[in-house]
Amino acid sequence: MLKILNYYKYLFVFSGVIMVAGIISLVSFGLKFGIDFKGGTITEVEYKNSPDIQKIREAVVGAGISSSQLQTTGEHGVLIKTGVLDSKTHEKLQSALKE
């Protein structure tokens, strides 16, 4: 039978070292918040045919949006995640996507 209780002091020290390393890592690198925590705009678009992601990416950049994430949904849909958009930029994005 293993006598693990004989090593409890070493296990406490090991757990403490892991916790301190995690706290140091958190302080030095920080947290990278996604759109769920920072806020932003999610636009879902459905097409009749299978969409070309590269053309959609070019349309998004053409609408003046520099940072975005594109994700396909199903066979004919695309989900576009961007930062906070005002109504003028959002309308520009929608018209660029219709083309």
PDB file of N, CA and C in Angstrom:
ATOM      1  N   MET A   1       0.831  -1.169   0.000  1.00  0.00           N
ATOM      2  CA  MET A   1       0.000   0.000   0.000  1.00  0.00           C
ATOM      3  C   MET A   1       0.886   1.246   0.000  1.00  0.00           C
ATOM      4  N   LEU A   2       0.467   2.255  -0.770  1.00  0.00           N
ATOM      5  CA  LEU A   2       1.229   3.490  -0.829  1.00  0.00           C
ATOM      6  C   LEU A   2       1.006   4.297   0.436  1.00  0.00           C
ATOM      7  N   LYS A   3       2.070   4.804   0.942  1.00  0.00           N
ATOM      8  CA  LYS A   3       1.961   5.640   2.127  1.00  0.00           C
ATOM      9  C   LYS A   3       2.139   7.091   1.699  1.00  0.00           C
ATOM     10  N   ILE A   4       1.111   7.596   1.034  1.00  0.00           N
ATOM     11  CA  ILE A   4       1.175   8.942   0.469  1.00  0.00           C
ATOM     12  C   ILE A   4       1.156  10.010   1.558  1.00  0.00           C
ATOM     13  N   LEU A   5       0.593   9.688   2.702  1.00  0.00           N
ATOM     14  CA  LEU A   5       0.537  10.663   3.782  1.00  0.00           C
ATOM     15  C   LEU A   5       1.914  10.979   4.355  1.00  0.00           C
ATOM     16  N   ASN A   6       2.884  10.108   4.078  1.00  0.00           N
ATOM     17  CA  ASN A   6       4.244  10.387   4.529  1.00  0.00           C
ATOM     18  C   ASN A   6       4.842  11.571   3.755  1.00  0.00           C
ATOM     19  N   TYR A   7       4.296  11.872   2.572  1.00  0.00           N
ATOM     20  CA  TYR A   7       4.842  12.911   1.704  1.00  0.00           C
ATOM     21  C   TYR A   7       3.950  14.151   1.641  1.00  0.00           C
ATOM     22  N   TYR A   8       3.090  14.337   2.615  1.00  0.00           N
ATOM     23  CA  TYR A   8       2.131  15.443   2.547  1.00  0.00           C
ATOM     24  C   TYR A   8       2.820  16.801   2.542  1.00  0.00           C
ATOM     25  N   LYS A   9       3.944  16.933   3.223  1.00  0.00           N
ATOM     26  CA  LYS A   9       4.655  18.221   3.237  1.00  0.00           C
ATOM     27  C   LYS A   9       5.168  18.567   1.841  1.00  0.00           C
ATOM     28  N   TYR A  10       5.704  17.575   1.151  1.00  0.00           N
ATOM     29  CA  TYR A  10       6.196  17.803  -0.207  1.00  0.00           C
ATOM     30  C   TYR A  10       5.048  18.140  -1.166  1.00  0.00           C
ATOM     31  N   LEU A  11       3.903  17.506  -0.972  1.00  0.00           N
ATOM     32  CA  LEU A  11       2.751  17.776  -1.829  1.00  0.00           C
ATOM     33  C   LEU A  11       2.201  19.177  -1.593  1.00  0.00           C
ATOM     34  N   PHE A  12       2.203  19.649  -0.342  1.00  0.00           N
ATOM     35  CA  PHE A  12       1.788  21.023  -0.055  1.00  0.00           C
ATOM     36  C   PHE A  12       2.747  22.020  -0.707  1.00  0.00           C
ATOM     37  N   VAL A  13       4.041  21.744  -0.625  1.00  0.00           N
ATOM     38  CA  VAL A  13       5.030  22.633  -1.243  1.00  0.00           C
ATOM     39  C   VAL A  13       4.842  22.637  -2.764  1.00  0.00           C
ATOM     40  N   PHE A  14       4.624  21.479  -3.350  1.00  0.00           N
ATOM     41  CA  PHE A  14       4.412  21.374  -4.796  1.00  0.00           C
ATOM     42  C   PHE A  14       3.168  22.161  -5.214  1.00  0.00           C
ATOM     43  N   SER A  15       2.089  22.029  -4.470  1.00  0.00           N
ATOM     44  CA  SER A  15       0.864  22.779  -4.769  1.00  0.00           C
ATOM     45  C   SER A  15       1.095  24.279  -4.637  1.00  0.00           C
ATOM     46  N   GLY A  16       1.834  24.682  -3.635  1.00  0.00           N
ATOM     47  CA  GLY A  16       2.143  26.103  -3.456  1.00  0.00           C
ATOM     48  C   GLY A  16       2.976  26.657  -4.600  1.00  0.00           C
ATOM     49  N   VAL A  17       3.953  25.887  -5.063  1.00  0.00           N
ATOM     50  CA  VAL A  17       4.788  26.329  -6.182  1.00  0.00           C
ATOM     51  C   VAL A  17       3.944  26.496  -7.434  1.00  0.00           C
ATOM     52  N   ILE A  18       3.024  25.557  -7.692  1.00  0.00           N
ATOM     53  CA  ILE A  18       2.143  25.645  -8.865  1.00  0.00           C
ATOM     54  C   ILE A  18       1.246  26.885  -8.756  1.00  0.00           C
ATOM     55  N   MET A  19       0.710  27.154  -7.581  1.00  0.00           N
ATOM     56  CA  MET A  19      -0.158  28.322  -7.394  1.00  0.00           C
ATOM     57  C   MET A  19       0.616  29.627  -7.584  1.00  0.00           C
ATOM     58  N   VAL A  20       1.823  29.713  -7.035  1.00  0.00           N
ATOM     59  CA  VAL A  20       2.634  30.923  -7.182  1.00  0.00           C
ATOM     60  C   VAL A  20       3.011  31.130  -8.643  1.00  0.00           C
ATOM     61  N   ALA A  21       3.345  30.060  -9.360  1.00  0.00           N
ATOM     62  CA  ALA A  21       3.673  30.173 -10.781  1.00  0.00           C
ATOM     63  C   ALA A  21       2.462  30.661 -11.576  1.00  0.00           C
ATOM     64  N   GLY A  22       1.287  30.189 -11.236  1.00  0.00           N
ATOM     65  CA  GLY A  22       0.073  30.639 -11.910  1.00  0.00           C
ATOM     66  C   GLY A  22      -0.224  32.100 -11.660  1.00  0.00           C
ATOM     67  N   ILE A  23      -0.044  32.557 -10.439  1.00  0.00           N
ATOM     68  CA  ILE A  23      -0.288  33.965 -10.100  1.00  0.00           C
ATOM     69  C   ILE A  23       0.723  34.864 -10.799  1.00  0.00           C
ATOM     70  N   ILE A  24       1.995  34.447 -10.824  1.00  0.00           N
ATOM     71  CA  ILE A  24       3.022  35.231 -11.519  1.00  0.00           C
ATOM     72  C   ILE A  24       2.709  35.301 -13.012  1.00  0.00           C
ATOM     73  N   SER A  25       2.289  34.200 -13.584  1.00  0.00           N
ATOM     74  CA  SER A  25       1.928  34.172 -15.004  1.00  0.00           C
ATOM     75  C   SER A  25       0.747  35.086 -15.286  1.00  0.00           C
ATOM     76  N   LEU A  26      -0.234  35.083 -14.432  1.00  0.00           N
ATOM     77  CA  LEU A  26      -1.415  35.930 -14.595  1.00  0.00           C
ATOM     78  C   LEU A  26      -1.051  37.404 -14.502  1.00  0.00           C
ATOM     79  N   VAL A  27      -0.179  37.752 -13.572  1.00  0.00           N
ATOM     80  CA  VAL A  27       0.214  39.145 -13.396  1.00  0.00           C
ATOM     81  C   VAL A  27       1.075  39.612 -14.567  1.00  0.00           C
ATOM     82  N   SER A  28       1.995  38.772 -15.024  1.00  0.00           N
ATOM     83  CA  SER A  28       2.919  39.216 -16.069  1.00  0.00           C
ATOM     84  C   SER A  28       2.286  39.218 -17.454  1.00  0.00           C
ATOM     85  N   PHE A  29       1.440  38.243 -17.796  1.00  0.00           N
ATOM     86  CA  PHE A  29       0.853  38.159 -19.130  1.00  0.00           C
ATOM     87  C   PHE A  29      -0.546  38.752 -19.196  1.00  0.00           C
ATOM     88  N   GLY A  30      -1.269  38.778 -18.117  1.00  0.00           N
ATOM     89  CA  GLY A  30      -2.624  39.328 -18.102  1.00  0.00           C
ATOM     90  C   GLY A  30      -3.614  38.382 -18.766  1.00  0.00           C
ATOM     91  N   LEU A  31      -4.857  38.842 -18.837  1.00  0.00           N
ATOM     92  CA  LEU A  31      -5.909  38.057 -19.474  1.00  0.00           C
ATOM     93  C   LEU A  31      -6.238  38.670 -20.823  1.00  0.00           C
ATOM     94  N   LYS A  32      -6.485  37.827 -21.805  1.00  0.00           N
ATOM     95  CA  LYS A  32      -6.870  38.280 -23.126  1.00  0.00           C
ATOM     96  C   LYS A  32      -8.380  38.092 -23.257  1.00  0.00           C
ATOM     97  N   PHE A  33      -9.122  39.187 -23.073  1.00  0.00           N
ATOM     98  CA  PHE A  33     -10.569  39.106 -23.130  1.00  0.00           C
ATOM     99  C   PHE A  33     -11.038  39.029 -24.572  1.00  0.00           C
ATOM    100  N   GLY A  34     -12.030  38.197 -24.825  1.00  0.00           N
ATOM    101  CA  GLY A  34     -12.629  38.089 -26.142  1.00  0.00           C
ATOM    102  C   GLY A  34     -13.792  39.045 -26.285  1.00  0.00           C
ATOM    103  N   ILE A  35     -14.508  38.920 -27.370  1.00  0.00           N
ATOM    104  CA  ILE A  35     -15.627  39.819 -27.660  1.00  0.00           C
ATOM    105  C   ILE A  35     -16.727  39.667 -26.613  1.00  0.00           C
ATOM    106  N   ASP A  36     -16.810  38.524 -25.963  1.00  0.00           N
ATOM    107  CA  ASP A  36     -17.845  38.311 -24.964  1.00  0.00           C
ATOM    108  C   ASP A  36     -17.677  39.235 -23.767  1.00  0.00           C
ATOM    109  N   PHE A  37     -16.436  39.598 -23.443  1.00  0.00           N
ATOM    110  CA  PHE A  37     -16.169  40.432 -22.278  1.00  0.00           C
ATOM    111  C   PHE A  37     -15.883  41.886 -22.641  1.00  0.00           C
ATOM    112  N   LYS A  38     -15.314  42.135 -23.816  1.00  0.00           N
ATOM    113  CA  LYS A  38     -14.988  43.501 -24.218  1.00  0.00           C
ATOM    114  C   LYS A  38     -16.171  44.209 -24.851  1.00  0.00           C
ATOM    115  N   GLY A  39     -17.060  43.480 -25.422  1.00  0.00           N
ATOM    116  CA  GLY A  39     -18.162  44.081 -26.163  1.00  0.00           C
ATOM    117  C   GLY A  39     -17.810  44.138 -27.629  1.00  0.00           C
ATOM    118  N   GLY A  40     -18.793  44.220 -28.444  1.00  0.00           N
ATOM    119  CA  GLY A  40     -18.546  44.264 -29.874  1.00  0.00           C
ATOM    120  C   GLY A  40     -19.827  43.967 -30.623  1.00  0.00           C
ATOM    121  N   THR A  41     -19.679  43.760 -31.913  1.00  0.00           N
ATOM    122  CA  THR A  41     -20.813  43.507 -32.772  1.00  0.00           C
ATOM    123  C   THR A  41     -20.654  42.154 -33.434  1.00  0.00           C
ATOM    124  N   ILE A  42     -21.710  41.367 -33.397  1.00  0.00           N
ATOM    125  CA  ILE A  42     -21.737  40.083 -34.080  1.00  0.00           C
ATOM    126  C   ILE A  42     -22.775  40.183 -35.183  1.00  0.00           C
ATOM    127  N   THR A  43     -22.345  39.945 -36.419  1.00  0.00           N
ATOM    128  CA  THR A  43     -23.226  40.010 -37.572  1.00  0.00           C
ATOM    129  C   THR A  43     -23.295  38.629 -38.193  1.00  0.00           C
ATOM    130  N   GLU A  44     -24.508  38.113 -38.352  1.00  0.00           N
ATOM    131  CA  GLU A  44     -24.688  36.806 -38.983  1.00  0.00           C
ATOM    132  C   GLU A  44     -25.353  37.011 -40.333  1.00  0.00           C
ATOM    133  N   VAL A  45     -24.743  36.433 -41.374  1.00  0.00           N
ATOM    134  CA  VAL A  45     -25.219  36.608 -42.740  1.00  0.00           C
ATOM    135  C   VAL A  45     -25.476  35.237 -43.346  1.00  0.00           C
ATOM    136  N   GLU A  46     -26.600  35.082 -44.024  1.00  0.00           N
ATOM    137  CA  GLU A  46     -26.940  33.847 -44.729  1.00  0.00           C
ATOM    138  C   GLU A  46     -26.925  34.123 -46.229  1.00  0.00           C
ATOM    139  N   TYR A  47     -26.351  33.209 -46.997  1.00  0.00           N
ATOM    140  CA  TYR A  47     -26.301  33.310 -48.449  1.00  0.00           C
ATOM    141  C   TYR A  47     -27.055  32.138 -49.069  1.00  0.00           C
ATOM    142  N   LYS A  48     -27.443  32.294 -50.333  1.00  0.00           N
ATOM    143  CA  LYS A  48     -28.127  31.200 -51.030  1.00  0.00           C
ATOM    144  C   LYS A  48     -27.152  30.094 -51.389  1.00  0.00           C
ATOM    145  N   ASN A  49     -25.934  30.481 -51.769  1.00  0.00           N
ATOM    146  CA  ASN A  49     -24.897  29.517 -52.127  1.00  0.00           C
ATOM    147  C   ASN A  49     -23.821  29.506 -51.050  1.00  0.00           C
ATOM    148  N   SER A  50     -22.902  28.587 -51.172  1.00  0.00           N
ATOM    149  CA  SER A  50     -21.801  28.509 -50.213  1.00  0.00           C
ATOM    150  C   SER A  50     -20.923  29.754 -50.352  1.00  0.00           C
ATOM    151  N   PRO A  51     -20.693  30.494 -49.265  1.00  0.00           N
ATOM    152  CA  PRO A  51     -19.963  31.767 -49.357  1.00  0.00           C
ATOM    153  C   PRO A  51     -18.457  31.565 -49.507  1.00  0.00           C
ATOM    154  N   ASP A  52     -17.808  32.511 -50.174  1.00  0.00           N
ATOM    155  CA  ASP A  52     -16.354  32.537 -50.304  1.00  0.00           C
ATOM    156  C   ASP A  52     -15.809  33.441 -49.188  1.00  0.00           C
ATOM    157  N   ILE A  53     -15.127  32.845 -48.238  1.00  0.00           N
ATOM    158  CA  ILE A  53     -14.651  33.561 -47.052  1.00  0.00           C
ATOM    159  C   ILE A  53     -13.686  34.678 -47.438  1.00  0.00           C
ATOM    160  N   GLN A  54     -12.841  34.438 -48.429  1.00  0.00           N
ATOM    161  CA  GLN A  54     -11.865  35.455 -48.821  1.00  0.00           C
ATOM    162  C   GLN A  54     -12.562  36.703 -49.357  1.00  0.00           C
ATOM    163  N   LYS A  55     -13.607  36.529 -50.149  1.00  0.00           N
ATOM    164  CA  LYS A  55     -14.349  37.682 -50.667  1.00  0.00           C
ATOM    165  C   LYS A  55     -15.059  38.427 -49.536  1.00  0.00           C
ATOM    166  N   ILE A  56     -15.578  37.685 -48.579  1.00  0.00           N
ATOM    167  CA  ILE A  56     -16.235  38.319 -47.430  1.00  0.00           C
ATOM    168  C   ILE A  56     -15.219  39.091 -46.606  1.00  0.00           C
ATOM    169  N   ARG A  57     -14.042  38.518 -46.412  1.00  0.00           N
ATOM    170  CA  ARG A  57     -12.982  39.201 -45.657  1.00  0.00           C
ATOM    171  C   ARG A  57     -12.596  40.507 -46.360  1.00  0.00           C
ATOM    172  N   GLU A  58     -12.489  40.465 -47.710  1.00  0.00           N
ATOM    173  CA  GLU A  58     -12.161  41.671 -48.467  1.00  0.00           C
ATOM    174  C   GLU A  58     -13.273  42.719 -48.340  1.00  0.00           C
ATOM    175  N   ALA A  59     -14.535  42.274 -48.315  1.00  0.00           N
ATOM    176  CA  ALA A  59     -15.653  43.207 -48.159  1.00  0.00           C
ATOM    177  C   ALA A  59     -15.633  43.856 -46.776  1.00  0.00           C
ATOM    178  N   VAL A  60     -15.276  43.083 -45.761  1.00  0.00           N
ATOM    179  CA  VAL A  60     -15.201  43.628 -44.399  1.00  0.00           C
ATOM    180  C   VAL A  60     -14.091  44.673 -44.313  1.00  0.00           C
ATOM    181  N   VAL A  61     -12.930  44.368 -44.878  1.00  0.00           N
ATOM    182  CA  VAL A  61     -11.824  45.327 -44.868  1.00  0.00           C
ATOM    183  C   VAL A  61     -12.190  46.549 -45.712  1.00  0.00           C
ATOM    184  N   GLY A  62     -12.901  46.338 -46.831  1.00  0.00           N
ATOM    185  CA  GLY A  62     -13.336  47.439 -47.678  1.00  0.00           C
ATOM    186  C   GLY A  62     -14.334  48.352 -46.991  1.00  0.00           C
ATOM    187  N   ALA A  63     -15.058  47.826 -46.001  1.00  0.00           N
ATOM    188  CA  ALA A  63     -16.012  48.638 -45.250  1.00  0.00           C
ATOM    189  C   ALA A  63     -15.325  49.452 -44.157  1.00  0.00           C
ATOM    190  N   GLY A  64     -14.002  49.316 -44.041  1.00  0.00           N
ATOM    191  CA  GLY A  64     -13.263  50.110 -43.066  1.00  0.00           C
ATOM    192  C   GLY A  64     -13.088  49.439 -41.720  1.00  0.00           C
ATOM    193  N   ILE A  65     -13.268  48.122 -41.657  1.00  0.00           N
ATOM    194  CA  ILE A  65     -13.122  47.390 -40.391  1.00  0.00           C
ATOM    195  C   ILE A  65     -11.812  46.620 -40.467  1.00  0.00           C
ATOM    196  N   SER A  66     -10.858  46.990 -39.621  1.00  0.00           N
ATOM    197  CA  SER A  66      -9.526  46.394 -39.714  1.00  0.00           C
ATOM    198  C   SER A  66      -9.416  45.059 -38.984  1.00  0.00           C
ATOM    199  N   SER A  67     -10.039  44.927 -37.837  1.00  0.00           N
ATOM    200  CA  SER A  67      -9.908  43.683 -37.077  1.00  0.00           C
ATOM    201  C   SER A  67     -11.275  43.003 -36.970  1.00  0.00           C
ATOM    202  N   SER A  68     -11.332  41.779 -37.450  1.00  0.00           N
ATOM    203  CA  SER A  68     -12.578  41.018 -37.390  1.00  0.00           C
ATOM    204  C   SER A  68     -12.253  39.532 -37.386  1.00  0.00           C
ATOM    205  N   GLN A  69     -13.219  38.743 -36.950  1.00  0.00           N
ATOM    206  CA  GLN A  69     -13.113  37.285 -36.980  1.00  0.00           C
ATOM    207  C   GLN A  69     -14.283  36.756 -37.789  1.00  0.00           C
ATOM    208  N   LEU A  70     -13.987  35.864 -38.735  1.00  0.00           N
ATOM    209  CA  LEU A  70     -15.026  35.269 -39.552  1.00  0.00           C
ATOM    210  C   LEU A  70     -15.131  33.789 -39.225  1.00  0.00           C
ATOM    211  N   GLN A  71     -16.357  33.308 -39.170  1.00  0.00           N
ATOM    212  CA  GLN A  71     -16.603  31.906 -38.845  1.00  0.00           C
ATOM    213  C   GLN A  71     -17.792  31.440 -39.659  1.00  0.00           C
ATOM    214  N   THR A  72     -17.648  30.291 -40.307  1.00  0.00           N
ATOM    215  CA  THR A  72     -18.770  29.760 -41.073  1.00  0.00           C
ATOM    216  C   THR A  72     -19.758  29.091 -40.131  1.00  0.00           C
ATOM    217  N   THR A  73     -21.043  29.224 -40.468  1.00  0.00           N
ATOM    218  CA  THR A  73     -22.096  28.577 -39.688  1.00  0.00           C
ATOM    219  C   THR A  73     -22.950  27.790 -40.667  1.00  0.00           C
ATOM    220  N   GLY A  74     -22.935  26.503 -40.522  1.00  0.00           N
ATOM    221  CA  GLY A  74     -23.688  25.668 -41.442  1.00  0.00           C
ATOM    222  C   GLY A  74     -23.047  25.689 -42.819  1.00  0.00           C
ATOM    223  N   GLU A  75     -23.856  25.461 -43.839  1.00  0.00           N
ATOM    224  CA  GLU A  75     -23.332  25.430 -45.197  1.00  0.00           C
ATOM    225  C   GLU A  75     -23.380  26.784 -45.877  1.00  0.00           C
ATOM    226  N   HIS A  76     -24.282  27.658 -45.472  1.00  0.00           N
ATOM    227  CA  HIS A  76     -24.488  28.902 -46.194  1.00  0.00           C
ATOM    228  C   HIS A  76     -24.371  30.150 -45.332  1.00  0.00           C
ATOM    229  N   GLY A  77     -23.933  30.032 -44.117  1.00  0.00           N
ATOM    230  CA  GLY A  77     -23.904  31.190 -43.225  1.00  0.00           C
ATOM    231  C   GLY A  77     -22.500  31.576 -42.813  1.00  0.00           C
ATOM    232  N   VAL A  78     -22.360  32.837 -42.439  1.00  0.00           N
ATOM    233  CA  VAL A  78     -21.090  33.370 -41.945  1.00  0.00           C
ATOM    234  C   VAL A  78     -21.380  34.238 -40.735  1.00  0.00           C
ATOM    235  N   LEU A  79     -20.550  34.102 -39.711  1.00  0.00           N
ATOM    236  CA  LEU A  79     -20.643  34.893 -38.496  1.00  0.00           C
ATOM    237  C   LEU A  79     -19.437  35.828 -38.473  1.00  0.00           C
ATOM    238  N   ILE A  80     -19.684  37.124 -38.374  1.00  0.00           N
ATOM    239  CA  ILE A  80     -18.618  38.126 -38.389  1.00  0.00           C
ATOM    240  C   ILE A  80     -18.592  38.816 -37.032  1.00  0.00           C
ATOM    241  N   LYS A  81     -17.461  38.701 -36.343  1.00  0.00           N
ATOM    242  CA  LYS A  81     -17.291  39.323 -35.028  1.00  0.00           C
ATOM    243  C   LYS A  81     -16.339  40.501 -35.181  1.00  0.00           C
ATOM    244  N   THR A  82     -16.788  41.667 -34.758  1.00  0.00           N
ATOM    245  CA  THR A  82     -15.972  42.880 -34.844  1.00  0.00           C
ATOM    246  C   THR A  82     -16.036  43.619 -33.514  1.00  0.00           C
ATOM    247  N   GLY A  83     -15.282  44.691 -33.438  1.00  0.00           N
ATOM    248  CA  GLY A  83     -15.389  45.562 -32.283  1.00  0.00           C
ATOM    249  C   GLY A  83     -16.715  46.310 -32.341  1.00  0.00           C
ATOM    250  N   VAL A  84     -16.889  47.260 -31.466  1.00  0.00           N
ATOM    251  CA  VAL A  84     -18.131  48.023 -31.430  1.00  0.00           C
ATOM    252  C   VAL A  84     -18.231  48.859 -32.713  1.00  0.00           C
ATOM    253  N   LEU A  85     -19.360  48.717 -33.421  1.00  0.00           N
ATOM    254  CA  LEU A  85     -19.590  49.459 -34.655  1.00  0.00           C
ATOM    255  C   LEU A  85     -20.713  50.464 -34.451  1.00  0.00           C
ATOM    256  N   ASP A  86     -20.527  51.657 -34.990  1.00  0.00           N
ATOM    257  CA  ASP A  86     -21.631  52.601 -34.981  1.00  0.00           C
ATOM    258  C   ASP A  86     -22.577  52.265 -36.133  1.00  0.00           C
ATOM    259  N   SER A  87     -23.716  52.914 -36.167  1.00  0.00           N
ATOM    260  CA  SER A  87     -24.734  52.540 -37.151  1.00  0.00           C
ATOM    261  C   SER A  87     -24.270  52.819 -38.581  1.00  0.00           C
ATOM    262  N   LYS A  88     -23.501  53.859 -38.787  1.00  0.00           N
ATOM    263  CA  LYS A  88     -23.011  54.194 -40.127  1.00  0.00           C
ATOM    264  C   LYS A  88     -22.072  53.111 -40.656  1.00  0.00           C
ATOM    265  N   THR A  89     -21.138  52.667 -39.821  1.00  0.00           N
ATOM    266  CA  THR A  89     -20.202  51.619 -40.228  1.00  0.00           C
ATOM    267  C   THR A  89     -20.924  50.291 -40.417  1.00  0.00           C
ATOM    268  N   HIS A  90     -21.914  50.022 -39.577  1.00  0.00           N
ATOM    269  CA  HIS A  90     -22.668  48.775 -39.701  1.00  0.00           C
ATOM    270  C   HIS A  90     -23.453  48.747 -41.010  1.00  0.00           C
ATOM    271  N   GLU A  91     -24.041  49.868 -41.390  1.00  0.00           N
ATOM    272  CA  GLU A  91     -24.755  49.940 -42.669  1.00  0.00           C
ATOM    273  C   GLU A  91     -23.796  49.775 -43.836  1.00  0.00           C
ATOM    274  N   LYS A  92     -22.599  50.356 -43.719  1.00  0.00           N
ATOM    275  CA  LYS A  92     -21.586  50.204 -44.762  1.00  0.00           C
ATOM    276  C   LYS A  92     -21.170  48.742 -44.896  1.00  0.00           C
ATOM    277  N   LEU A  93     -21.047  48.057 -43.761  1.00  0.00           N
ATOM    278  CA  LEU A  93     -20.700  46.626 -43.773  1.00  0.00           C
ATOM    279  C   LEU A  93     -21.800  45.818 -44.441  1.00  0.00           C
ATOM    280  N   GLN A  94     -23.037  46.084 -44.097  1.00  0.00           N
ATOM    281  CA  GLN A  94     -24.147  45.342 -44.690  1.00  0.00           C
ATOM    282  C   GLN A  94     -24.236  45.556 -46.194  1.00  0.00           C
ATOM    283  N   SER A  95     -24.026  46.777 -46.656  1.00  0.00           N
ATOM    284  CA  SER A  95     -24.084  47.013 -48.103  1.00  0.00           C
ATOM    285  C   SER A  95     -22.904  46.351 -48.807  1.00  0.00           C
ATOM    286  N   ALA A  96     -21.736  46.312 -48.177  1.00  0.00           N
ATOM    287  CA  ALA A  96     -20.583  45.634 -48.772  1.00  0.00           C
ATOM    288  C   ALA A  96     -20.805  44.130 -48.842  1.00  0.00           C
ATOM    289  N   LEU A  97     -21.497  43.575 -47.855  1.00  0.00           N
ATOM    290  CA  LEU A  97     -21.757  42.127 -47.852  1.00  0.00           C
ATOM    291  C   LEU A  97     -22.833  41.739 -48.864  1.00  0.00           C
ATOM    292  N   LYS A  98     -23.751  42.647 -49.160  1.00  0.00           N
ATOM    293  CA  LYS A  98     -24.780  42.336 -50.157  1.00  0.00           C
ATOM    294  C   LYS A  98     -24.185  42.198 -51.541  1.00  0.00           C
ATOM    295  N   GLU A  99     -23.124  42.951 -51.795  1.00  0.00           N
ATOM    296  CA  GLU A  99     -22.460  42.857 -53.096  1.00  0.00           C
ATOM    297  C   GLU A  99     -21.687  41.584 -53.157  1.00  0.00           C
TER     298      GLU A  99
END
